[in-house]
Amino acid sequence: MTRNVRAAVPMIYAVAIVVGFLIDTRVGIAVCVVGGMLVGLAYTVLRRS
């Protein structure tokens, strides 16, 4: 399960960036910043120990 989530996170992030920039430039930049932090958090939480 964790492996599937780790594989899906970058794809979901990419789609969110595109949709954010389609809405507005400010929204796209906010999605890039906040999404980058959330992706980093997701990879930290889901790392193999």
Protein backbone atom coordinates (compact mmCIF):
# COMPACT_ATOMS: atom_id res chain seq x y z
CA MET A 1 0.00 0.00 0.00
CA THR A 2 2.74 2.45 0.95
CA ARG A 3 4.53 1.78 -2.32
CA ASN A 4 1.41 2.64 -4.32
CA VAL A 5 0.91 5.88 -2.42
CA ARG A 6 4.57 6.86 -2.91
CA ALA A 7 4.17 6.24 -6.65
CA ALA A 8 0.96 8.26 -6.89
CA VAL A 9 2.07 11.34 -4.93
CA PRO A 10 4.18 12.94 -7.71
CA MET A 11 1.45 12.40 -10.30
CA ILE A 12 -1.19 13.98 -8.08
CA TYR A 13 1.17 16.88 -7.35
CA ALA A 14 1.78 17.47 -11.06
CA VAL A 15 -1.94 17.51 -11.82
CA ALA A 16 -2.55 19.91 -8.92
CA ILE A 17 0.12 22.28 -10.28
CA VAL A 18 -1.41 22.30 -13.75
CA VAL A 19 -4.92 22.87 -12.41
CA GLY A 20 -3.64 25.59 -10.08
CA PHE A 21 -2.00 27.48 -12.95
CA LEU A 22 -5.13 27.07 -15.07
CA ILE A 23 -7.13 28.76 -12.33
CA ASP A 24 -4.72 31.64 -11.68
CA THR A 25 -0.99 32.31 -11.46
CA ARG A 26 -1.14 33.04 -7.73
CA VAL A 27 -3.02 29.82 -7.09
CA GLY A 28 -0.46 27.89 -9.13
CA ILE A 29 2.42 29.35 -7.14
CA ALA A 30 0.65 28.60 -3.86
CA VAL A 31 0.04 25.02 -4.99
CA CYS A 32 3.73 24.68 -5.89
CA VAL A 33 4.90 25.92 -2.50
CA VAL A 34 2.37 24.21 -0.25
CA GLY A 35 2.26 21.07 -2.39
CA GLY A 36 6.04 20.79 -2.31
CA MET A 37 5.98 20.87 1.47
CA LEU A 38 3.23 18.27 1.58
CA VAL A 39 5.05 15.98 -0.87
CA GLY A 40 8.17 16.24 1.26
CA LEU A 41 6.14 15.43 4.34
CA ALA A 42 4.49 12.47 2.61
CA TYR A 43 7.86 11.06 1.57
CA THR A 44 9.21 11.54 5.09
CA VAL A 45 6.24 9.80 6.69
CA LEU A 46 6.15 6.97 4.16
CA ARG A 47 9.89 6.29 4.02
CA ARG A 48 11.18 2.82 4.63
CA SER A 49 12.72 2.37 8.02
